[in-house]
Amino acid sequence: MNVESGIQTDYRAYDFDEEQARRRRWTIIGAVLAGLIALGVIGYALFGGNKAKPAPPPPPGVTVIVPGSTNVVTTISATGTLAAKREMPVGIAGEGGMVQAVLVEPGSWVKAGQTLAVIERSVQTQQAASLAAGVRVARADAQLAQAELDRAKALVARGFISKADIDRRTASRDAAVARVAVAEAQLGESRAQIGRLSIRSPASGLVLTRAVEPGQVVGAGAGALFRVAKDGEIEIRAQLAEQDIARLKVGDTAQVTPIGGSRAFAGTVWQISPVIDPQTRQGTARIQLRYDPALRPGGFASAAIRSGSVKAPQLPESAVLHDDKGSFVYVVGPDNKVIRRDVKTGDVSDAGVVVLSGLQGNEKVVLSAGAFLNPGDKVTPQLSNRPAAR
């Protein structure tokens, strides 16, 4: 037997057995892996496949309010200048002259016809005295003419005086009487001129300004020497936009506060401008006020005018939003979706914003957080515990 051949045959047998062992090992490994995979699939089916999917988050909650409607007093704010309701400029009524005395100061109360200043009148006084003497002369001539006429009438029956003489004496008497009337008229004119040299107030009131001093020479063209507020009545001439002035009526009440002061004064609208300034688109409402030292003509003041009441919803300021299109609110519809609602607002006060149009009052209005919402968003409305207005 060949030894080398035997050895070769043994090596081949050994290689064959090792290959068989390797194949068995891989078969076992594959079977184990397959079992593990099968166990994983079975476990997922038993424990993970039936697990429910997580529910979607609920819509965000928002606080809403049902505003209702209430009787709201509408107030219109305005500013304007304080002035005398009836300012009377007082100046020279006659020929003028040198001012002899000034009898009042600004802030003085005067009566109708009271003398404010006196102009020197020595020349006019002498002229009046001369005219008064002329009146006496004319009266004496008239008395003499009347006496001569009476004596002539007594002699005409005896034939000593003719009818023509009677007529002449009657004419002389009449001419003398006429000269008396002329002299008296001239004297009256002179006295009237003297009276006009006293500068008097045309009505009772408060002296606002004084523009004359003793020794000053004034004439008919000197302008106003005094300004008097008739009866001391003051007013504010409030400037209002045309849409606001259309809401006013004579008799509306107002509260007027001078700039720099904290005290408010009650007033009444007594006149509304019939025209609108085409440049500013504003009109004037004149509000009458009682006299008070704190109300100084020429000063600036603000006015809050009550122009009646209106039944309308009223919302907190946080519920009303604004953009380029105007004012709007968000309303939650029946499907809990957000709806934009354009509104027209009125007065704003501590109580809230008056909604003149756009709401009925029974809607669910988003109270706040409207800036974070968009039309069509779905929300969960939560009614505010704030009481609705009725």
Protein backbone atom coordinates (compact mmCIF):
# COMPACT_ATOMS: atom_id res chain seq x y z
CA MET A 1 0.00 0.00 0.00
CA ASN A 2 1.22 3.34 -0.92
CA VAL A 3 1.82 5.44 2.15
CA GLU A 4 1.58 8.80 0.44
CA SER A 5 -1.72 7.85 -1.10
CA GLY A 6 -3.10 6.93 2.31
CA ILE A 7 -2.07 10.22 3.80
CA GLN A 8 -3.67 12.18 0.98
CA THR A 9 -6.86 10.23 1.38
CA ASP A 10 -6.99 11.13 5.12
CA TYR A 11 -6.51 14.86 4.44
CA ARG A 12 -9.40 14.87 2.02
CA ALA A 13 -11.64 13.19 4.55
CA TYR A 14 -10.65 15.74 7.19
CA ASP A 15 -11.46 18.71 4.90
CA PHE A 16 -14.84 17.25 4.07
CA ASP A 17 -15.79 16.85 7.74
CA GLU A 18 -14.72 20.42 8.58
CA GLU A 19 -16.83 21.84 5.73
CA GLN A 20 -19.84 19.91 6.98
CA ALA A 21 -19.35 21.29 10.48
CA ARG A 22 -19.09 24.87 9.21
CA ARG A 23 -22.30 24.53 7.23
CA ARG A 24 -24.10 23.20 10.27
CA ARG A 25 -22.94 26.17 12.36
CA TRP A 26 -24.23 28.74 9.80
CA THR A 27 -27.48 26.84 9.51
CA ILE A 28 -27.92 26.99 13.28
CA ILE A 29 -27.04 30.73 13.34
CA GLY A 30 -29.53 31.46 10.55
CA ALA A 31 -32.22 29.50 12.33
CA VAL A 32 -31.59 31.45 15.57
CA LEU A 33 -31.73 34.80 13.75
CA ALA A 34 -34.93 33.79 11.97
CA GLY A 35 -36.43 32.79 15.30
CA LEU A 36 -35.48 36.09 16.88
CA ILE A 37 -37.00 38.01 13.98
CA ALA A 38 -40.15 35.95 14.21
CA LEU A 39 -40.33 36.57 17.94
CA GLY A 40 -39.93 40.33 17.32
CA VAL A 41 -42.71 40.35 14.75
CA ILE A 42 -44.97 38.35 17.04
CA GLY A 43 -44.18 40.65 19.97
CA TYR A 44 -44.88 43.80 17.95
CA ALA A 45 -48.15 42.27 16.76
CA LEU A 46 -49.11 41.37 20.31
CA PHE A 47 -47.97 44.46 22.17
CA GLY A 48 -47.32 47.27 19.69
CA GLY A 49 -49.65 46.78 16.77
CA ASN A 50 -52.81 47.41 18.75
CA LYS A 51 -51.49 50.58 20.52
CA ALA A 52 -53.85 53.58 19.83
CA LYS A 53 -52.47 56.67 18.04
CA PRO A 54 -52.16 59.85 20.22
CA ALA A 55 -55.24 62.15 19.98
CA PRO A 56 -54.69 65.58 18.32
CA PRO A 57 -54.40 68.52 20.76
CA PRO A 58 -57.66 70.40 21.46
CA PRO A 59 -58.18 73.89 19.90
CA PRO A 60 -56.73 76.72 22.00
CA GLY A 61 -59.08 78.28 24.50
CA VAL A 62 -60.00 81.97 24.24
CA THR A 63 -62.04 84.14 26.57
CA VAL A 64 -65.17 85.59 24.96
CA ILE A 65 -67.78 88.09 26.08
CA VAL A 66 -71.36 88.68 25.01
CA PRO A 67 -71.54 92.50 25.25
CA GLY A 68 -75.29 93.01 25.00
CA SER A 69 -76.33 96.66 24.58
CA THR A 70 -76.77 99.61 26.90
CA ASN A 71 -77.71 103.28 26.82
CA VAL A 72 -74.38 105.04 26.45
CA VAL A 73 -73.99 108.79 26.79
CA THR A 74 -72.00 109.92 23.77
CA THR A 75 -69.30 112.47 24.46
CA ILE A 76 -67.48 114.55 21.87
CA SER A 77 -64.07 115.94 22.78
CA ALA A 78 -62.91 119.26 21.37
CA THR A 79 -60.49 122.09 22.00
CA GLY A 80 -60.83 125.81 21.47
CA THR A 81 -60.15 129.33 22.64
CA LEU A 82 -61.86 131.11 25.51
CA ALA A 83 -63.42 134.48 24.61
CA ALA A 84 -66.11 136.88 25.71
CA LYS A 85 -69.50 135.80 24.44
CA ARG A 86 -70.29 139.39 23.47
CA GLU A 87 -67.17 141.53 23.42
CA MET A 88 -67.92 145.24 23.14
CA PRO A 89 -65.13 147.52 21.89
CA VAL A 90 -65.51 150.98 23.42
CA GLY A 91 -63.86 153.99 21.78
CA ILE A 92 -64.26 157.70 21.00
CA ALA A 93 -67.76 158.70 19.91
CA GLY A 94 -67.01 162.42 19.43
CA GLU A 95 -64.21 164.56 18.11
CA GLY A 96 -61.77 163.49 20.82
CA GLY A 97 -59.08 165.38 22.63
CA MET A 98 -56.69 164.87 25.52
CA VAL A 99 -57.65 162.22 28.06
CA GLN A 100 -58.13 163.86 31.44
CA ALA A 101 -58.85 160.79 33.60
CA VAL A 102 -59.27 157.00 33.29
CA LEU A 103 -61.70 155.66 35.87
CA VAL A 104 -61.57 151.86 35.49
CA GLU A 105 -59.03 149.05 35.31
CA PRO A 106 -59.13 145.66 33.56
CA GLY A 107 -61.17 143.28 35.70
CA SER A 108 -63.53 146.02 36.89
CA TRP A 109 -67.28 145.48 36.72
CA VAL A 110 -69.15 148.42 35.18
CA LYS A 111 -72.82 149.34 34.71
CA ALA A 112 -74.53 150.46 31.55
CA GLY A 113 -73.68 154.12 30.91
CA GLN A 114 -70.91 154.23 33.49
CA THR A 115 -68.06 156.59 32.59
CA LEU A 116 -64.81 154.81 31.80
CA ALA A 117 -62.66 157.81 30.88
CA VAL A 118 -63.02 161.60 30.63
CA ILE A 119 -61.61 163.83 27.86
CA GLU A 120 -60.61 167.43 28.61
CA ARG A 121 -63.50 169.78 27.58
CA SER A 122 -62.67 173.35 28.61
CA VAL A 123 -63.11 174.75 25.08
CA GLN A 124 -66.38 172.94 24.52
CA THR A 125 -67.67 174.13 27.88
CA GLN A 126 -67.07 177.77 26.93
CA GLN A 127 -68.78 177.25 23.60
CA ALA A 128 -71.77 175.79 25.38
CA ALA A 129 -71.86 178.78 27.75
CA SER A 130 -71.88 181.15 24.78
CA LEU A 131 -74.71 179.26 23.15
CA ALA A 132 -76.66 179.27 26.41
CA ALA A 133 -76.36 183.08 26.50
CA GLY A 134 -77.58 183.22 22.92
CA VAL A 135 -80.66 181.24 23.92
CA ARG A 136 -81.43 183.77 26.63
CA VAL A 137 -81.06 186.64 24.15
CA ALA A 138 -83.35 184.93 21.69
CA ARG A 139 -85.96 184.31 24.37
CA ALA A 140 -85.83 187.97 25.42
CA ASP A 141 -86.35 189.07 21.81
CA ALA A 142 -89.25 186.67 21.49
CA GLN A 143 -90.86 188.01 24.67
CA LEU A 144 -90.47 191.62 23.41
CA ALA A 145 -91.99 190.72 20.05
CA GLN A 146 -94.93 189.04 21.78
CA ALA A 147 -95.53 192.13 24.00
CA GLU A 148 -95.51 194.50 21.04
CA LEU A 149 -97.96 192.26 19.21
CA ASP A 150 -100.30 192.24 22.22
CA ARG A 151 -100.27 196.06 22.49
CA ALA A 152 -100.91 196.42 18.75
CA LYS A 153 -103.94 194.15 18.97
CA ALA A 154 -105.35 196.36 21.78
CA LEU A 155 -105.01 199.49 19.61
CA VAL A 156 -106.34 198.13 16.35
CA ALA A 157 -109.95 198.42 17.56
CA ARG A 158 -109.49 202.18 18.11
CA GLY A 159 -108.08 202.65 14.65
CA PHE A 160 -104.60 203.63 15.67
CA ILE A 161 -103.00 200.47 14.19
CA SER A 162 -103.78 199.04 10.80
CA LYS A 163 -104.31 195.40 10.00
CA ALA A 164 -101.04 195.41 8.03
CA ASP A 165 -99.11 196.49 11.15
CA ILE A 166 -100.65 193.60 13.05
CA ASP A 167 -99.46 191.19 10.39
CA ARG A 168 -95.91 192.59 10.50
CA ARG A 169 -95.72 192.39 14.29
CA THR A 170 -97.05 188.80 14.19
CA ALA A 171 -94.33 187.84 11.72
CA SER A 172 -91.68 189.48 13.91
CA ARG A 173 -92.96 187.55 16.91
CA ASP A 174 -92.85 184.26 14.99
CA ALA A 175 -89.31 184.93 13.76
CA ALA A 176 -88.16 185.63 17.32
CA VAL A 177 -89.68 182.39 18.55
CA ALA A 178 -87.96 180.51 15.73
CA ARG A 179 -84.62 182.06 16.68
CA VAL A 180 -85.17 180.76 20.21
CA ALA A 181 -85.64 177.24 18.83
CA VAL A 182 -82.47 177.52 16.74
CA ALA A 183 -80.45 178.75 19.71
CA GLU A 184 -81.77 176.00 21.92
CA ALA A 185 -80.92 173.38 19.26
CA GLN A 186 -77.38 174.70 18.97
CA LEU A 187 -77.02 174.61 22.73
CA GLY A 188 -78.33 171.05 22.81
CA GLU A 189 -75.86 170.00 20.12
CA SER A 190 -72.98 171.52 22.04
CA ARG A 191 -74.02 169.77 25.25
CA ALA A 192 -74.33 166.47 23.40
CA GLN A 193 -70.80 166.89 22.05
CA ILE A 194 -69.58 167.55 25.56
CA GLY A 195 -71.39 164.43 26.76
CA ARG A 196 -69.65 162.36 24.09
CA LEU A 197 -66.32 163.41 25.49
CA SER A 198 -67.06 161.04 28.39
CA ILE A 199 -66.31 157.48 27.26
CA ARG A 200 -69.14 155.32 28.67
CA SER A 201 -69.83 151.61 28.72
CA PRO A 202 -72.71 150.70 26.39
CA ALA A 203 -73.84 147.88 28.70
CA SER A 204 -73.00 146.35 32.05
CA GLY A 205 -70.15 143.89 32.04
CA LEU A 206 -66.53 143.12 32.81
CA VAL A 207 -63.70 145.35 31.57
CA LEU A 208 -61.26 143.09 29.72
CA THR A 209 -58.67 145.51 28.37
CA ARG A 210 -57.66 149.15 28.70
CA ALA A 211 -55.63 150.88 25.99
CA VAL A 212 -55.60 154.53 27.13
CA GLU A 213 -53.77 156.59 29.74
CA PRO A 214 -54.30 160.13 31.14
CA GLY A 215 -52.67 162.79 28.97
CA GLN A 216 -53.03 160.73 25.81
CA VAL A 217 -54.58 162.55 22.85
CA VAL A 218 -57.24 160.44 21.17
CA GLY A 219 -59.48 160.96 18.19
CA ALA A 220 -62.23 159.28 16.24
CA GLY A 221 -59.73 156.98 14.52
CA ALA A 222 -58.03 155.85 17.71
CA GLY A 223 -59.82 152.50 17.74
CA ALA A 224 -61.02 150.65 20.81
CA LEU A 225 -59.80 152.12 24.08
CA PHE A 226 -61.59 149.53 26.22
CA ARG A 227 -63.04 146.07 25.64
CA VAL A 228 -65.96 145.00 27.79
CA ALA A 229 -67.49 141.51 28.08
CA LYS A 230 -71.23 142.04 28.17
CA ASP A 231 -72.60 140.76 31.50
CA GLY A 232 -69.23 139.06 32.04
CA GLU A 233 -70.33 136.04 29.97
CA ILE A 234 -67.51 133.82 28.67
CA GLU A 235 -67.57 131.15 25.98
CA ILE A 236 -65.28 128.59 24.38
CA ARG A 237 -65.22 128.45 20.60
CA ALA A 238 -64.64 124.73 20.18
CA GLN A 239 -63.33 123.42 16.86
CA LEU A 240 -64.99 120.17 15.75
CA ALA A 241 -64.73 117.85 12.78
CA GLU A 242 -67.73 118.00 10.46
CA GLN A 243 -68.90 114.49 11.41
CA ASP A 244 -68.87 115.47 15.09
CA ILE A 245 -70.54 118.85 14.68
CA ALA A 246 -73.38 117.11 12.83
CA ARG A 247 -74.18 115.22 16.07
CA LEU A 248 -74.59 118.38 18.17
CA LYS A 249 -77.63 120.49 18.88
CA VAL A 250 -78.18 123.75 20.70
CA GLY A 251 -78.68 123.08 24.41
CA ASP A 252 -76.21 120.19 24.74
CA THR A 253 -74.24 120.38 27.96
CA ALA A 254 -70.46 120.37 28.23
CA GLN A 255 -67.62 120.31 30.72
CA VAL A 256 -64.84 122.80 29.95
CA THR A 257 -61.36 122.57 31.47
CA PRO A 258 -58.80 125.35 30.90
CA ILE A 259 -55.35 124.17 29.91
CA GLY A 260 -53.14 123.91 32.96
CA GLY A 261 -56.07 123.61 35.35
CA SER A 262 -57.87 120.66 36.87
CA ARG A 263 -61.24 122.29 37.54
CA ALA A 264 -64.05 121.75 35.04
CA PHE A 265 -66.76 124.34 34.35
CA ALA A 266 -70.30 123.55 33.23
CA GLY A 267 -71.42 125.09 29.97
CA THR A 268 -74.12 124.92 27.32
CA VAL A 269 -73.89 124.93 23.54
CA TRP A 270 -75.71 128.09 22.43
CA GLN A 271 -74.63 128.37 18.81
CA ILE A 272 -73.40 125.92 16.15
CA SER A 273 -71.54 127.15 13.09
CA PRO A 274 -73.75 126.93 9.97
CA VAL A 275 -70.69 126.51 7.72
CA ILE A 276 -67.66 124.20 7.57
CA ASP A 277 -64.21 125.55 6.79
CA PRO A 278 -63.31 124.00 3.40
CA GLN A 279 -59.61 123.97 4.30
CA THR A 280 -59.70 122.35 7.75
CA ARG A 281 -63.07 120.55 7.38
CA GLN A 282 -64.01 121.85 10.83
CA GLY A 283 -66.83 123.89 12.29
CA THR A 284 -67.25 125.89 15.49
CA ALA A 285 -69.51 125.16 18.44
CA ARG A 286 -69.86 128.08 20.87
CA ILE A 287 -70.28 126.97 24.49
CA GLN A 288 -71.50 129.54 27.00
CA LEU A 289 -69.99 129.62 30.51
CA ARG A 290 -70.69 131.56 33.67
CA TYR A 291 -68.09 134.12 34.68
CA ASP A 292 -65.25 132.84 36.81
CA PRO A 293 -61.84 134.43 37.43
CA ALA A 294 -60.21 131.18 36.30
CA LEU A 295 -61.73 131.60 32.81
CA ARG A 296 -59.46 134.05 31.04
CA PRO A 297 -60.39 135.14 27.50
CA GLY A 298 -57.67 134.28 25.02
CA GLY A 299 -56.70 131.11 26.89
CA PHE A 300 -56.93 127.57 25.53
CA ALA A 301 -59.33 124.96 26.91
CA SER A 302 -60.70 121.50 26.23
CA ALA A 303 -64.38 120.60 26.17
CA ALA A 304 -66.26 117.33 26.63
CA ILE A 305 -69.69 117.79 25.05
CA ARG A 306 -72.53 115.40 25.85
CA SER A 307 -74.43 114.91 22.62
CA GLY A 308 -77.22 112.61 23.85
CA SER A 309 -77.33 108.85 24.35
CA VAL A 310 -77.35 105.84 22.06
CA LYS A 311 -78.20 102.17 22.67
CA ALA A 312 -75.14 100.23 21.55
CA PRO A 313 -72.74 97.45 22.63
CA GLN A 314 -69.76 98.45 24.72
CA LEU A 315 -66.51 96.46 24.71
CA PRO A 316 -63.23 96.59 26.62
CA GLU A 317 -60.44 98.20 24.66
CA SER A 318 -58.59 94.85 24.49
CA ALA A 319 -61.36 93.41 22.32
CA VAL A 320 -61.11 96.07 19.59
CA LEU A 321 -58.27 95.75 17.08
CA HIS A 322 -57.10 98.08 14.33
CA ASP A 323 -55.36 97.75 10.99
CA ASP A 324 -55.17 99.56 7.66
CA LYS A 325 -58.80 98.71 6.95
CA GLY A 326 -60.07 100.20 10.21
CA SER A 327 -61.38 98.84 13.49
CA PHE A 328 -62.53 95.23 13.88
CA VAL A 329 -63.24 92.49 16.40
CA TYR A 330 -63.03 88.70 16.30
CA VAL A 331 -66.30 86.81 16.76
CA VAL A 332 -66.53 83.07 17.49
CA GLY A 333 -69.11 81.49 15.18
CA PRO A 334 -71.42 78.50 15.83
CA ASP A 335 -68.70 76.12 14.58
CA ASN A 336 -66.18 77.66 17.01
CA LYS A 337 -64.27 79.25 14.17
CA VAL A 338 -62.96 82.80 14.36
CA ILE A 339 -64.69 85.39 12.14
CA ARG A 340 -63.46 88.93 11.54
CA ARG A 341 -66.16 91.59 12.03
CA ASP A 342 -65.48 95.19 10.96
CA VAL A 343 -66.97 97.74 13.36
CA LYS A 344 -67.38 101.48 13.71
CA THR A 345 -66.38 102.75 17.13
CA GLY A 346 -67.58 105.76 19.07
CA ASP A 347 -66.53 107.22 22.39
CA VAL A 348 -63.75 105.68 24.44
CA SER A 349 -64.00 105.94 28.23
CA ASP A 350 -63.03 104.05 31.34
CA ALA A 351 -66.10 101.87 30.79
CA GLY A 352 -64.87 100.75 27.36
CA VAL A 353 -65.34 101.42 23.65
CA VAL A 354 -68.80 102.12 22.24
CA VAL A 355 -69.49 100.12 19.05
CA LEU A 356 -71.81 102.19 16.87
CA SER A 357 -72.18 99.61 14.08
CA GLY A 358 -71.02 96.10 13.19
CA LEU A 359 -72.33 94.25 16.25
CA GLN A 360 -75.80 93.33 17.49
CA GLY A 361 -74.64 92.61 21.03
CA ASN A 362 -75.45 88.89 21.14
CA GLU A 363 -72.21 87.69 19.51
CA LYS A 364 -69.35 85.92 21.26
CA VAL A 365 -66.57 88.47 20.96
CA VAL A 366 -62.97 87.51 21.70
CA LEU A 367 -62.06 89.50 24.79
CA SER A 368 -58.29 89.41 24.36
CA ALA A 369 -55.50 87.60 22.48
CA GLY A 370 -57.14 88.64 19.21
CA ALA A 371 -53.73 89.66 17.85
CA PHE A 372 -52.67 85.99 17.88
CA LEU A 373 -55.69 84.74 15.91
CA ASN A 374 -56.55 84.61 12.24
CA PRO A 375 -59.92 84.31 10.54
CA GLY A 376 -60.87 80.65 10.27
CA ASP A 377 -58.91 79.48 13.31
CA LYS A 378 -60.80 76.99 15.46
CA VAL A 379 -60.89 77.81 19.15
CA THR A 380 -62.51 76.71 22.38
CA PRO A 381 -64.60 79.66 23.64
CA GLN A 382 -64.65 80.28 27.38
CA LEU A 383 -67.31 82.76 28.47
CA SER A 384 -66.03 85.56 30.66
CA ASN A 385 -67.65 86.02 34.06
CA ARG A 386 -67.83 89.76 33.36
CA PRO A 387 -71.51 90.82 33.39
CA ALA A 388 -72.89 91.79 30.03
CA ALA A 389 -74.35 95.29 29.60
CA ARG A 390 -78.11 95.58 29.14
